[in-house]
Amino acid sequence: MSDERTASVRPADAGVRPADAGVRPAWGYLITGLVLVASACGLGFWILTHGDPPFAVDVWWNALVAEWWSPFLTGLSRFMNWVGGGWVAVLAVPLAGALALVLLRRPWAAAFFLAAEAASAGAVQVLKHTFGRVRPEDIIVTSDYGSYPSGHVANAATLAVCAFVLFPRVWVAIVGAAWILVMAFSRTYLHAHWLSDTVGGALIGAGAVLIVAAAFAVPMAKENRGAPEKRRG
Protein backbone atom coordinates (compact mmCIF):
# COMPACT_ATOMS: atom_id res chain seq x y z
CA MET A 1 0.00 0.00 0.00
CA SER A 2 2.80 2.43 0.89
CA ASP A 3 4.44 1.77 -2.48
CA GLU A 4 1.20 2.64 -4.24
CA ARG A 5 0.90 5.93 -2.31
CA THR A 6 4.53 6.79 -3.12
CA ALA A 7 4.00 6.08 -6.81
CA SER A 8 0.88 8.23 -6.86
CA VAL A 9 2.74 11.34 -5.67
CA ARG A 10 5.96 10.75 -7.62
CA PRO A 11 6.38 13.25 -10.50
CA ALA A 12 5.85 11.67 -13.90
CA ASP A 13 9.29 12.80 -15.03
CA ALA A 14 11.17 12.00 -11.83
CA GLY A 15 13.45 9.60 -13.70
CA VAL A 16 14.42 12.17 -16.30
CA ARG A 17 17.53 14.23 -15.61
CA PRO A 18 17.20 17.97 -16.36
CA ALA A 19 19.94 17.72 -18.99
CA ASP A 20 18.11 14.93 -20.81
CA ALA A 21 15.15 17.21 -21.49
CA GLY A 22 17.28 19.35 -23.79
CA VAL A 23 19.32 16.73 -25.64
CA ARG A 24 16.80 15.61 -28.25
CA PRO A 25 15.53 19.14 -28.98
CA ALA A 26 19.16 20.25 -29.33
CA TRP A 27 19.83 17.72 -32.09
CA GLY A 28 16.56 18.59 -33.81
CA TYR A 29 17.36 22.29 -33.67
CA LEU A 30 20.89 21.76 -34.96
CA ILE A 31 19.98 19.56 -37.91
CA THR A 32 17.04 21.73 -38.96
CA GLY A 33 19.06 24.90 -38.55
CA LEU A 34 21.95 23.59 -40.65
CA VAL A 35 19.54 22.53 -43.40
CA LEU A 36 17.95 25.99 -43.45
CA VAL A 37 21.29 27.81 -43.50
CA ALA A 38 22.56 25.51 -46.24
CA SER A 39 19.38 26.21 -48.23
CA ALA A 40 19.91 29.97 -47.87
CA CYS A 41 23.49 29.62 -49.06
CA GLY A 42 22.44 27.35 -51.92
CA LEU A 43 19.82 29.84 -53.08
CA GLY A 44 22.43 32.59 -52.91
CA PHE A 45 24.88 30.65 -55.04
CA TRP A 46 22.09 29.89 -57.52
CA ILE A 47 21.38 33.62 -57.76
CA LEU A 48 25.09 34.32 -58.19
CA THR A 49 25.52 31.80 -60.99
CA HIS A 50 22.27 32.93 -62.60
CA GLY A 51 23.83 36.32 -63.30
CA ASP A 52 22.56 39.87 -63.04
CA PRO A 53 18.99 39.43 -64.37
CA PRO A 54 16.62 38.44 -61.54
CA PHE A 55 14.52 35.30 -61.75
CA ALA A 56 11.34 35.46 -63.81
CA VAL A 57 9.23 35.08 -60.67
CA ASP A 58 11.07 38.05 -59.14
CA VAL A 59 10.31 40.27 -62.14
CA TRP A 60 6.67 39.12 -62.22
CA TRP A 61 6.11 39.77 -58.51
CA ASN A 62 7.88 43.13 -58.58
CA ALA A 63 5.61 44.28 -61.39
CA LEU A 64 2.51 42.85 -59.71
CA VAL A 65 2.94 44.66 -56.39
CA ALA A 66 3.52 47.91 -58.28
CA GLU A 67 -0.11 47.66 -59.41
CA TRP A 68 -1.36 47.34 -55.83
CA TRP A 69 -0.39 50.83 -54.66
CA SER A 70 -2.61 52.22 -51.91
CA PRO A 71 -2.14 54.62 -48.99
CA PHE A 72 -2.82 51.80 -46.51
CA LEU A 73 -0.27 49.37 -47.97
CA THR A 74 2.27 52.14 -48.34
CA GLY A 75 1.85 53.23 -44.72
CA LEU A 76 1.98 49.64 -43.48
CA SER A 77 5.08 48.87 -45.52
CA ARG A 78 6.86 51.99 -44.33
CA PHE A 79 6.04 51.09 -40.73
CA MET A 80 7.44 47.59 -41.28
CA ASN A 81 10.52 49.16 -42.84
CA TRP A 82 11.04 51.19 -39.65
CA VAL A 83 10.29 48.49 -37.09
CA GLY A 84 12.17 45.73 -38.93
CA GLY A 85 15.50 47.47 -39.39
CA GLY A 86 17.86 50.11 -38.04
CA TRP A 87 18.22 50.79 -34.33
CA VAL A 88 14.76 49.37 -33.57
CA ALA A 89 15.58 45.87 -34.82
CA VAL A 90 19.29 45.91 -33.95
CA LEU A 91 19.12 47.39 -30.44
CA ALA A 92 15.64 48.10 -29.10
CA VAL A 93 13.97 44.75 -29.79
CA PRO A 94 16.86 42.50 -28.64
CA LEU A 95 17.46 44.51 -25.45
CA ALA A 96 13.77 44.81 -24.61
CA GLY A 97 13.19 41.11 -25.23
CA ALA A 98 16.19 40.09 -23.13
CA LEU A 99 15.11 42.39 -20.30
CA ALA A 100 11.60 40.91 -20.32
CA LEU A 101 13.01 37.38 -20.10
CA VAL A 102 15.30 38.35 -17.22
CA LEU A 103 12.30 39.79 -15.38
CA LEU A 104 10.55 36.46 -15.97
CA ARG A 105 13.53 34.78 -14.23
CA ARG A 106 14.76 33.19 -17.43
CA PRO A 107 18.37 34.41 -17.79
CA TRP A 108 19.41 31.54 -20.06
CA ALA A 109 16.49 32.34 -22.35
CA ALA A 110 17.59 35.99 -22.39
CA ALA A 111 21.14 34.97 -23.30
CA PHE A 112 19.78 32.72 -26.06
CA PHE A 113 17.66 35.55 -27.46
CA LEU A 114 20.59 37.98 -27.61
CA ALA A 115 22.91 35.36 -29.12
CA ALA A 116 20.31 34.39 -31.74
CA GLU A 117 19.75 38.03 -32.72
CA ALA A 118 23.50 38.59 -33.08
CA ALA A 119 24.04 35.36 -35.04
CA SER A 120 21.22 36.13 -37.45
CA ALA A 121 22.41 39.70 -38.07
CA GLY A 122 25.98 38.52 -38.63
CA ALA A 123 24.93 35.75 -41.01
CA VAL A 124 22.86 38.19 -43.07
CA GLN A 125 25.81 40.55 -43.50
CA VAL A 126 28.10 37.69 -44.51
CA LEU A 127 25.68 36.59 -47.24
CA LYS A 128 25.02 40.15 -48.41
CA HIS A 129 28.71 40.80 -48.94
CA THR A 130 29.30 37.34 -50.39
CA PHE A 131 26.66 37.58 -53.11
CA GLY A 132 26.33 41.36 -53.59
CA ARG A 133 23.01 41.17 -55.41
CA VAL A 134 21.69 44.39 -56.91
CA ARG A 135 18.39 45.67 -55.53
CA PRO A 136 15.40 46.53 -57.76
CA GLU A 137 15.87 49.85 -59.57
CA ASP A 138 12.48 51.15 -58.44
CA ILE A 139 13.27 50.94 -54.70
CA ILE A 140 11.48 53.71 -52.77
CA VAL A 141 13.30 53.52 -49.40
CA THR A 142 16.92 53.83 -48.33
CA SER A 143 18.67 50.50 -47.72
CA ASP A 144 22.16 49.15 -47.16
CA TYR A 145 24.41 47.14 -49.46
CA GLY A 146 23.23 43.87 -50.96
CA SER A 147 19.75 42.74 -51.87
CA TYR A 148 20.20 39.07 -50.92
CA PRO A 149 19.10 38.11 -48.36
CA SER A 150 16.53 40.47 -46.89
CA GLY A 151 17.75 41.60 -43.48
CA HIS A 152 14.28 42.78 -42.48
CA VAL A 153 12.75 39.38 -43.22
CA ALA A 154 15.64 37.66 -41.46
CA ASN A 155 14.95 39.83 -38.41
CA ALA A 156 11.27 38.91 -38.56
CA ALA A 157 12.08 35.20 -38.82
CA THR A 158 14.57 35.50 -35.97
CA LEU A 159 11.98 37.04 -33.68
CA ALA A 160 9.27 34.57 -34.70
CA VAL A 161 11.40 31.45 -34.28
CA CYS A 162 12.89 32.68 -30.99
CA ALA A 163 9.37 33.22 -29.69
CA PHE A 164 8.33 29.71 -30.70
CA VAL A 165 11.43 28.09 -29.19
CA LEU A 166 10.78 29.88 -25.89
CA PHE A 167 6.99 29.61 -25.93
CA PRO A 168 6.04 26.61 -28.11
CA ARG A 169 2.35 27.26 -28.68
CA VAL A 170 0.28 26.99 -31.86
CA TRP A 171 -0.87 30.59 -31.65
CA VAL A 172 2.74 31.75 -31.30
CA ALA A 173 3.63 29.88 -34.50
CA ILE A 174 0.65 31.38 -36.35
CA VAL A 175 1.42 34.94 -35.26
CA GLY A 176 5.10 34.44 -36.06
CA ALA A 177 4.37 33.12 -39.54
CA ALA A 178 2.01 36.03 -40.21
CA TRP A 179 4.69 38.50 -39.06
CA ILE A 180 7.22 37.00 -41.47
CA LEU A 181 4.79 37.06 -44.39
CA VAL A 182 3.75 40.67 -43.78
CA MET A 183 7.40 41.71 -43.53
CA ALA A 184 8.26 39.86 -46.74
CA PHE A 185 5.36 41.49 -48.57
CA SER A 186 6.33 44.94 -47.32
CA ARG A 187 9.90 44.57 -48.57
CA THR A 188 8.77 43.67 -52.07
CA TYR A 189 5.99 46.28 -52.01
CA LEU A 190 8.63 48.95 -51.36
CA HIS A 191 10.75 47.37 -54.11
CA ALA A 192 13.58 47.05 -51.61
CA HIS A 193 14.01 43.36 -52.43
CA TRP A 194 13.24 40.73 -54.99
CA LEU A 195 10.85 38.00 -53.87
CA SER A 196 13.67 35.45 -53.70
CA ASP A 197 15.57 37.78 -51.33
CA THR A 198 12.76 37.45 -48.81
CA VAL A 199 12.86 33.66 -49.05
CA GLY A 200 16.58 33.73 -48.34
CA GLY A 201 16.04 36.08 -45.41
CA ALA A 202 13.49 33.76 -43.82
CA LEU A 203 15.78 30.76 -44.29
CA ILE A 204 18.91 32.35 -42.83
CA GLY A 205 17.06 34.00 -39.96
CA ALA A 206 15.27 30.84 -38.86
CA GLY A 207 18.33 28.67 -39.42
CA ALA A 208 20.62 30.89 -37.35
CA VAL A 209 18.14 30.86 -34.46
CA LEU A 210 17.83 27.07 -34.43
CA ILE A 211 21.60 26.54 -34.47
CA VAL A 212 21.96 28.87 -31.49
CA ALA A 213 18.99 27.15 -29.81
CA ALA A 214 20.87 23.86 -30.04
CA ALA A 215 23.72 25.33 -27.99
CA PHE A 216 21.32 26.66 -25.34
CA ALA A 217 18.84 23.76 -25.30
CA VAL A 218 20.17 21.98 -22.20
CA PRO A 219 20.53 25.00 -19.88
CA MET A 220 17.17 26.35 -21.04
CA ALA A 221 15.57 22.96 -20.31
CA LYS A 222 17.01 23.06 -16.78
CA GLU A 223 15.74 26.61 -16.39
CA ASN A 224 12.24 25.63 -17.57
CA ARG A 225 12.09 22.70 -15.16
CA GLY A 226 13.10 24.95 -12.28
CA ALA A 227 10.58 27.67 -13.12
CA PRO A 228 7.54 26.07 -11.37
CA GLU A 229 9.54 25.57 -8.17
CA LYS A 230 10.74 29.19 -8.27
CA ARG A 231 7.16 30.43 -8.66
CA ARG A 232 5.93 28.26 -5.79
CA GLY A 233 8.83 29.44 -3.63
C-alpha atoms as a PDB file:
ATOM      1  CA  MET A   1       0.000   0.000   0.000  1.00  0.00           C
ATOM      2  CA  SER A   2       2.805   2.428   0.891  1.00  0.00           C
ATOM      3  CA  ASP A   3       4.444   1.773  -2.482  1.00  0.00           C
ATOM      4  CA  GLU A   4       1.200   2.644  -4.242  1.00  0.00           C
ATOM      5  CA  ARG A   5       0.899   5.926  -2.315  1.00  0.00           C
ATOM      6  CA  THR A   6       4.526   6.786  -3.116  1.00  0.00           C
ATOM      7  CA  ALA A   7       3.998   6.082  -6.814  1.00  0.00           C
ATOM      8  CA  SER A   8       0.882   8.235  -6.859  1.00  0.00           C
ATOM      9  CA  VAL A   9       2.736  11.344  -5.670  1.00  0.00           C
ATOM     10  CA  ARG A  10       5.958  10.749  -7.617  1.00  0.00           C
ATOM     11  CA  PRO A  11       6.376  13.246 -10.496  1.00  0.00           C
ATOM     12  CA  ALA A  12       5.854  11.672 -13.895  1.00  0.00           C
ATOM     13  CA  ASP A  13       9.289  12.801 -15.035  1.00  0.00           C
ATOM     14  CA  ALA A  14      11.174  11.996 -11.830  1.00  0.00           C
ATOM     15  CA  GLY A  15      13.452   9.604 -13.697  1.00  0.00           C
ATOM     16  CA  VAL A  16      14.422  12.174 -16.299  1.00  0.00           C
ATOM     17  CA  ARG A  17      17.529  14.234 -15.609  1.00  0.00           C
ATOM     18  CA  PRO A  18      17.197  17.966 -16.364  1.00  0.00           C
ATOM     19  CA  ALA A  19      19.938  17.721 -18.992  1.00  0.00           C
ATOM     20  CA  ASP A  20      18.109  14.926 -20.809  1.00  0.00           C
ATOM     21  CA  ALA A  21      15.153  17.207 -21.494  1.00  0.00           C
ATOM     22  CA  GLY A  22      17.280  19.352 -23.788  1.00  0.00           C
ATOM     23  CA  VAL A  23      19.324  16.728 -25.645  1.00  0.00           C
ATOM     24  CA  ARG A  24      16.803  15.614 -28.247  1.00  0.00           C
ATOM     25  CA  PRO A  25      15.531  19.140 -28.980  1.00  0.00           C
ATOM     26  CA  ALA A  26      19.157  20.250 -29.332  1.00  0.00           C
ATOM     27  CA  TRP A  27      19.826  17.722 -32.094  1.00  0.00           C
ATOM     28  CA  GLY A  28      16.564  18.593 -33.812  1.00  0.00           C
ATOM     29  CA  TYR A  29      17.357  22.291 -33.669  1.00  0.00           C
ATOM     30  CA  LEU A  30      20.889  21.758 -34.957  1.00  0.00           C
ATOM     31  CA  ILE A  31      19.980  19.557 -37.906  1.00  0.00           C
ATOM     32  CA  THR A  32      17.037  21.728 -38.962  1.00  0.00           C
ATOM     33  CA  GLY A  33      19.064  24.898 -38.552  1.00  0.00           C
ATOM     34  CA  LEU A  34      21.950  23.594 -40.648  1.00  0.00           C
ATOM     35  CA  VAL A  35      19.543  22.532 -43.398  1.00  0.00           C
ATOM     36  CA  LEU A  36      17.945  25.994 -43.454  1.00  0.00           C
ATOM     37  CA  VAL A  37      21.286  27.814 -43.498  1.00  0.00           C
ATOM     38  CA  ALA A  38      22.562  25.510 -46.244  1.00  0.00           C
ATOM     39  CA  SER A  39      19.383  26.207 -48.227  1.00  0.00           C
ATOM     40  CA  ALA A  40      19.906  29.966 -47.873  1.00  0.00           C
ATOM     41  CA  CYS A  41      23.495  29.623 -49.057  1.00  0.00           C
ATOM     42  CA  GLY A  42      22.437  27.353 -51.922  1.00  0.00           C
ATOM     43  CA  LEU A  43      19.821  29.838 -53.083  1.00  0.00           C
ATOM     44  CA  GLY A  44      22.431  32.593 -52.906  1.00  0.00           C
ATOM     45  CA  PHE A  45      24.877  30.646 -55.045  1.00  0.00           C
ATOM     46  CA  TRP A  46      22.086  29.887 -57.522  1.00  0.00           C
ATOM     47  CA  ILE A  47      21.379  33.618 -57.756  1.00  0.00           C
ATOM     48  CA  LEU A  48      25.091  34.324 -58.186  1.00  0.00           C
ATOM     49  CA  THR A  49      25.519  31.795 -60.993  1.00  0.00           C
ATOM     50  CA  HIS A  50      22.268  32.926 -62.602  1.00  0.00           C
ATOM     51  CA  GLY A  51      23.830  36.319 -63.300  1.00  0.00           C
ATOM     52  CA  ASP A  52      22.557  39.868 -63.045  1.00  0.00           C
ATOM     53  CA  PRO A  53      18.992  39.427 -64.369  1.00  0.00           C
ATOM     54  CA  PRO A  54      16.616  38.442 -61.540  1.00  0.00           C
ATOM     55  CA  PHE A  55      14.523  35.304 -61.748  1.00  0.00           C
ATOM     56  CA  ALA A  56      11.345  35.457 -63.813  1.00  0.00           C
ATOM     57  CA  VAL A  57       9.234  35.084 -60.670  1.00  0.00           C
ATOM     58  CA  ASP A  58      11.067  38.051 -59.139  1.00  0.00           C
ATOM     59  CA  VAL A  59      10.306  40.270 -62.136  1.00  0.00           C
ATOM     60  CA  TRP A  60       6.672  39.117 -62.224  1.00  0.00           C
ATOM     61  CA  TRP A  61       6.111  39.772 -58.505  1.00  0.00           C
ATOM     62  CA  ASN A  62       7.885  43.135 -58.582  1.00  0.00           C
ATOM     63  CA  ALA A  63       5.608  44.285 -61.391  1.00  0.00           C
ATOM     64  CA  LEU A  64       2.510  42.850 -59.711  1.00  0.00           C
ATOM     65  CA  VAL A  65       2.937  44.663 -56.385  1.00  0.00           C
ATOM     66  CA  ALA A  66       3.524  47.910 -58.279  1.00  0.00           C
ATOM     67  CA  GLU A  67      -0.112  47.663 -59.406  1.00  0.00           C
ATOM     68  CA  TRP A  68      -1.360  47.342 -55.827  1.00  0.00           C
ATOM     69  CA  TRP A  69      -0.393  50.831 -54.664  1.00  0.00           C
ATOM     70  CA  SER A  70      -2.610  52.217 -51.914  1.00  0.00           C
ATOM     71  CA  PRO A  71      -2.142  54.620 -48.988  1.00  0.00           C
ATOM     72  CA  PHE A  72      -2.818  51.801 -46.513  1.00  0.00           C
ATOM     73  CA  LEU A  73      -0.266  49.374 -47.968  1.00  0.00           C
ATOM     74  CA  THR A  74       2.275  52.142 -48.344  1.00  0.00           C
ATOM     75  CA  GLY A  75       1.846  53.227 -44.719  1.00  0.00           C
ATOM     76  CA  LEU A  76       1.976  49.644 -43.482  1.00  0.00           C
ATOM     77  CA  SER A  77       5.079  48.873 -45.516  1.00  0.00           C
ATOM     78  CA  ARG A  78       6.863  51.995 -44.333  1.00  0.00           C
ATOM     79  CA  PHE A  79       6.041  51.094 -40.734  1.00  0.00           C
ATOM     80  CA  MET A  80       7.439  47.586 -41.276  1.00  0.00           C
ATOM     81  CA  ASN A  81      10.520  49.159 -42.843  1.00  0.00           C
ATOM     82  CA  TRP A  82      11.044  51.189 -39.650  1.00  0.00           C
ATOM     83  CA  VAL A  83      10.290  48.485 -37.094  1.00  0.00           C
ATOM     84  CA  GLY A  84      12.167  45.733 -38.926  1.00  0.00           C
ATOM     85  CA  GLY A  85      15.505  47.466 -39.388  1.00  0.00           C
ATOM     86  CA  GLY A  86      17.857  50.112 -38.041  1.00  0.00           C
ATOM     87  CA  TRP A  87      18.222  50.790 -34.331  1.00  0.00           C
ATOM     88  CA  VAL A  88      14.765  49.372 -33.575  1.00  0.00           C
ATOM     89  CA  ALA A  89      15.582  45.872 -34.823  1.00  0.00           C
ATOM     90  CA  VAL A  90      19.294  45.907 -33.954  1.00  0.00           C
ATOM     91  CA  LEU A  91      19.118  47.386 -30.439  1.00  0.00           C
ATOM     92  CA  ALA A  92      15.637  48.099 -29.102  1.00  0.00           C
ATOM     93  CA  VAL A  93      13.971  44.750 -29.794  1.00  0.00           C
ATOM     94  CA  PRO A  94      16.859  42.504 -28.637  1.00  0.00           C
ATOM     95  CA  LEU A  95      17.465  44.512 -25.454  1.00  0.00           C
ATOM     96  CA  ALA A  96      13.765  44.812 -24.608  1.00  0.00           C
ATOM     97  CA  GLY A  97      13.192  41.112 -25.226  1.00  0.00           C
ATOM     98  CA  ALA A  98      16.188  40.094 -23.128  1.00  0.00           C
ATOM     99  CA  LEU A  99      15.110  42.388 -20.295  1.00  0.00           C
ATOM    100  CA  ALA A 100      11.603  40.912 -20.324  1.00  0.00           C
ATOM    101  CA  LEU A 101      13.011  37.383 -20.104  1.00  0.00           C
ATOM    102  CA  VAL A 102      15.301  38.348 -17.219  1.00  0.00           C
ATOM    103  CA  LEU A 103      12.302  39.791 -15.375  1.00  0.00           C
ATOM    104  CA  LEU A 104      10.552  36.457 -15.972  1.00  0.00           C
ATOM    105  CA  ARG A 105      13.534  34.784 -14.225  1.00  0.00           C
ATOM    106  CA  ARG A 106      14.762  33.185 -17.433  1.00  0.00           C
ATOM    107  CA  PRO A 107      18.367  34.409 -17.790  1.00  0.00           C
ATOM    108  CA  TRP A 108      19.411  31.535 -20.061  1.00  0.00           C
ATOM    109  CA  ALA A 109      16.486  32.344 -22.353  1.00  0.00           C
ATOM    110  CA  ALA A 110      17.592  35.990 -22.385  1.00  0.00           C
ATOM    111  CA  ALA A 111      21.143  34.966 -23.302  1.00  0.00           C
ATOM    112  CA  PHE A 112      19.784  32.718 -26.062  1.00  0.00           C
ATOM    113  CA  PHE A 113      17.664  35.550 -27.465  1.00  0.00           C
ATOM    114  CA  LEU A 114      20.585  37.979 -27.610  1.00  0.00           C
ATOM    115  CA  ALA A 115      22.908  35.362 -29.121  1.00  0.00           C
ATOM    116  CA  ALA A 116      20.312  34.392 -31.743  1.00  0.00           C
ATOM    117  CA  GLU A 117      19.748  38.026 -32.723  1.00  0.00           C
ATOM    118  CA  ALA A 118      23.497  38.590 -33.080  1.00  0.00           C
ATOM    119  CA  ALA A 119      24.042  35.360 -35.036  1.00  0.00           C
ATOM    120  CA  SER A 120      21.219  36.134 -37.455  1.00  0.00           C
ATOM    121  CA  ALA A 121      22.407  39.699 -38.068  1.00  0.00           C
ATOM    122  CA  GLY A 122      25.978  38.520 -38.627  1.00  0.00           C
ATOM    123  CA  ALA A 123      24.925  35.746 -41.011  1.00  0.00           C
ATOM    124  CA  VAL A 124      22.855  38.194 -43.068  1.00  0.00           C
ATOM    125  CA  GLN A 125      25.807  40.546 -43.498  1.00  0.00           C
ATOM    126  CA  VAL A 126      28.100  37.686 -44.515  1.00  0.00           C
ATOM    127  CA  LEU A 127      25.675  36.592 -47.235  1.00  0.00           C
ATOM    128  CA  LYS A 128      25.016  40.145 -48.406  1.00  0.00           C
ATOM    129  CA  HIS A 129      28.715  40.800 -48.939  1.00  0.00           C
ATOM    130  CA  THR A 130      29.299  37.337 -50.395  1.00  0.00           C
ATOM    131  CA  PHE A 131      26.657  37.576 -53.111  1.00  0.00           C
ATOM    132  CA  GLY A 132      26.328  41.356 -53.587  1.00  0.00           C
ATOM    133  CA  ARG A 133      23.012  41.169 -55.412  1.00  0.00           C
ATOM    134  CA  VAL A 134      21.691  44.393 -56.912  1.00  0.00           C
ATOM    135  CA  ARG A 135      18.386  45.675 -55.535  1.00  0.00           C
ATOM    136  CA  PRO A 136      15.401  46.526 -57.765  1.00  0.00           C
ATOM    137  CA  GLU A 137      15.874  49.848 -59.570  1.00  0.00           C
ATOM    138  CA  ASP A 138      12.479  51.150 -58.436  1.00  0.00           C
ATOM    139  CA  ILE A 139      13.266  50.939 -54.698  1.00  0.00           C
ATOM    140  CA  ILE A 140      11.481  53.712 -52.768  1.00  0.00           C
ATOM    141  CA  VAL A 141      13.300  53.518 -49.401  1.00  0.00           C
ATOM    142  CA  THR A 142      16.919  53.828 -48.333  1.00  0.00           C
ATOM    143  CA  SER A 143      18.669  50.504 -47.716  1.00  0.00           C
ATOM    144  CA  ASP A 144      22.157  49.147 -47.156  1.00  0.00           C
ATOM    145  CA  TYR A 145      24.412  47.136 -49.462  1.00  0.00           C
ATOM    146  CA  GLY A 146      23.225  43.872 -50.959  1.00  0.00           C
ATOM    147  CA  SER A 147      19.747  42.744 -51.865  1.00  0.00           C
ATOM    148  CA  TYR A 148      20.196  39.073 -50.923  1.00  0.00           C
ATOM    149  CA  PRO A 149      19.098  38.107 -48.356  1.00  0.00           C
ATOM    150  CA  SER A 150      16.527  40.475 -46.887  1.00  0.00           C
ATOM    151  CA  GLY A 151      17.749  41.600 -43.476  1.00  0.00           C
ATOM    152  CA  HIS A 152      14.276  42.783 -42.481  1.00  0.00           C
ATOM    153  CA  VAL A 153      12.750  39.376 -43.216  1.00  0.00           C
ATOM    154  CA  ALA A 154      15.643  37.665 -41.456  1.00  0.00           C
ATOM    155  CA  ASN A 155      14.953  39.833 -38.407  1.00  0.00           C
ATOM    156  CA  ALA A 156      11.267  38.915 -38.563  1.00  0.00           C
ATOM    157  CA  ALA A 157      12.084  35.200 -38.823  1.00  0.00           C
ATOM    158  CA  THR A 158      14.573  35.502 -35.970  1.00  0.00           C
ATOM    159  CA  LEU A 159      11.980  37.042 -33.683  1.00  0.00           C
ATOM    160  CA  ALA A 160       9.269  34.568 -34.699  1.00  0.00           C
ATOM    161  CA  VAL A 161      11.403  31.447 -34.279  1.00  0.00           C
ATOM    162  CA  CYS A 162      12.889  32.676 -30.994  1.00  0.00           C
ATOM    163  CA  ALA A 163       9.372  33.222 -29.685  1.00  0.00           C
ATOM    164  CA  PHE A 164       8.326  29.714 -30.700  1.00  0.00           C
ATOM    165  CA  VAL A 165      11.434  28.094 -29.185  1.00  0.00           C
ATOM    166  CA  LEU A 166      10.780  29.880 -25.890  1.00  0.00           C
ATOM    167  CA  PHE A 167       6.985  29.607 -25.927  1.00  0.00           C
ATOM    168  CA  PRO A 168       6.037  26.605 -28.112  1.00  0.00           C
ATOM    169  CA  ARG A 169       2.353  27.260 -28.684  1.00  0.00           C
ATOM    170  CA  VAL A 170       0.280  26.988 -31.860  1.00  0.00           C
ATOM    171  CA  TRP A 171      -0.874  30.592 -31.652  1.00  0.00           C
ATOM    172  CA  VAL A 172       2.742  31.752 -31.298  1.00  0.00           C
ATOM    173  CA  ALA A 173       3.625  29.882 -34.496  1.00  0.00           C
ATOM    174  CA  ILE A 174       0.646  31.379 -36.351  1.00  0.00           C
ATOM    175  CA  VAL A 175       1.418  34.939 -35.256  1.00  0.00           C
ATOM    176  CA  GLY A 176       5.096  34.438 -36.059  1.00  0.00           C
ATOM    177  CA  ALA A 177       4.371  33.117 -39.542  1.00  0.00           C
ATOM    178  CA  ALA A 178       2.011  36.035 -40.214  1.00  0.00           C
ATOM    179  CA  TRP A 179       4.695  38.505 -39.056  1.00  0.00           C
ATOM    180  CA  ILE A 180       7.225  37.000 -41.467  1.00  0.00           C
ATOM    181  CA  LEU A 181       4.788  37.059 -44.391  1.00  0.00           C
ATOM    182  CA  VAL A 182       3.747  40.666 -43.776  1.00  0.00           C
ATOM    183  CA  MET A 183       7.399  41.709 -43.528  1.00  0.00           C
ATOM    184  CA  ALA A 184       8.257  39.858 -46.741  1.00  0.00           C
ATOM    185  CA  PHE A 185       5.355  41.485 -48.567  1.00  0.00           C
ATOM    186  CA  SER A 186       6.329  44.941 -47.323  1.00  0.00           C
ATOM    187  CA  ARG A 187       9.900  44.567 -48.569  1.00  0.00           C
ATOM    188  CA  THR A 188       8.766  43.667 -52.065  1.00  0.00           C
ATOM    189  CA  TYR A 189       5.993  46.275 -52.014  1.00  0.00           C
ATOM    190  CA  LEU A 190       8.627  48.946 -51.364  1.00  0.00           C
ATOM    191  CA  HIS A 191      10.751  47.371 -54.112  1.00  0.00           C
ATOM    192  CA  ALA A 192      13.585  47.050 -51.608  1.00  0.00           C
ATOM    193  CA  HIS A 193      14.009  43.358 -52.430  1.00  0.00           C
ATOM    194  CA  TRP A 194      13.236  40.732 -54.987  1.00  0.00           C
ATOM    195  CA  LEU A 195      10.845  38.000 -53.869  1.00  0.00           C
ATOM    196  CA  SER A 196      13.675  35.448 -53.697  1.00  0.00           C
ATOM    197  CA  ASP A 197      15.568  37.775 -51.330  1.00  0.00           C
ATOM    198  CA  THR A 198      12.762  37.453 -48.808  1.00  0.00           C
ATOM    199  CA  VAL A 199      12.863  33.658 -49.047  1.00  0.00           C
ATOM    200  CA  GLY A 200      16.584  33.732 -48.341  1.00  0.00           C
ATOM    201  CA  GLY A 201      16.044  36.078 -45.407  1.00  0.00           C
ATOM    202  CA  ALA A 202      13.485  33.764 -43.818  1.00  0.00           C
ATOM    203  CA  LEU A 203      15.785  30.756 -44.291  1.00  0.00           C
ATOM    204  CA  ILE A 204      18.906  32.350 -42.830  1.00  0.00           C
ATOM    205  CA  GLY A 205      17.063  34.005 -39.956  1.00  0.00           C
ATOM    206  CA  ALA A 206      15.266  30.843 -38.864  1.00  0.00           C
ATOM    207  CA  GLY A 207      18.332  28.670 -39.417  1.00  0.00           C
ATOM    208  CA  ALA A 208      20.617  30.890 -37.353  1.00  0.00           C
ATOM    209  CA  VAL A 209      18.143  30.860 -34.458  1.00  0.00           C
ATOM    210  CA  LEU A 210      17.835  27.071 -34.431  1.00  0.00           C
ATOM    211  CA  ILE A 211      21.602  26.542 -34.472  1.00  0.00           C
ATOM    212  CA  VAL A 212      21.964  28.867 -31.486  1.00  0.00           C
ATOM    213  CA  ALA A 213      18.989  27.154 -29.812  1.00  0.00           C
ATOM    214  CA  ALA A 214      20.869  23.863 -30.044  1.00  0.00           C
ATOM    215  CA  ALA A 215      23.719  25.332 -27.994  1.00  0.00           C
ATOM    216  CA  PHE A 216      21.316  26.656 -25.338  1.00  0.00           C
ATOM    217  CA  ALA A 217      18.836  23.758 -25.296  1.00  0.00           C
ATOM    218  CA  VAL A 218      20.171  21.979 -22.197  1.00  0.00           C
ATOM    219  CA  PRO A 219      20.535  25.003 -19.882  1.00  0.00           C
ATOM    220  CA  MET A 220      17.172  26.355 -21.037  1.00  0.00           C
ATOM    221  CA  ALA A 221      15.574  22.959 -20.309  1.00  0.00           C
ATOM    222  CA  LYS A 222      17.013  23.064 -16.785  1.00  0.00           C
ATOM    223  CA  GLU A 223      15.742  26.611 -16.390  1.00  0.00           C
ATOM    224  CA  ASN A 224      12.239  25.628 -17.565  1.00  0.00           C
ATOM    225  CA  ARG A 225      12.091  22.704 -15.155  1.00  0.00           C
ATOM    226  CA  GLY A 226      13.099  24.946 -12.278  1.00  0.00           C
ATOM    227  CA  ALA A 227      10.584  27.670 -13.119  1.00  0.00           C
ATOM    228  CA  PRO A 228       7.538  26.073 -11.369  1.00  0.00           C
ATOM    229  CA  GLU A 229       9.537  25.566  -8.167  1.00  0.00           C
ATOM    230  CA  LYS A 230      10.735  29.194  -8.270  1.00  0.00           C
ATOM    231  CA  ARG A 231       7.164  30.433  -8.655  1.00  0.00           C
ATOM    232  CA  ARG A 232       5.931  28.259  -5.793  1.00  0.00           C
ATOM    233  CA  GLY A 233       8.835  29.437  -3.633  1.00  0.00           C
END
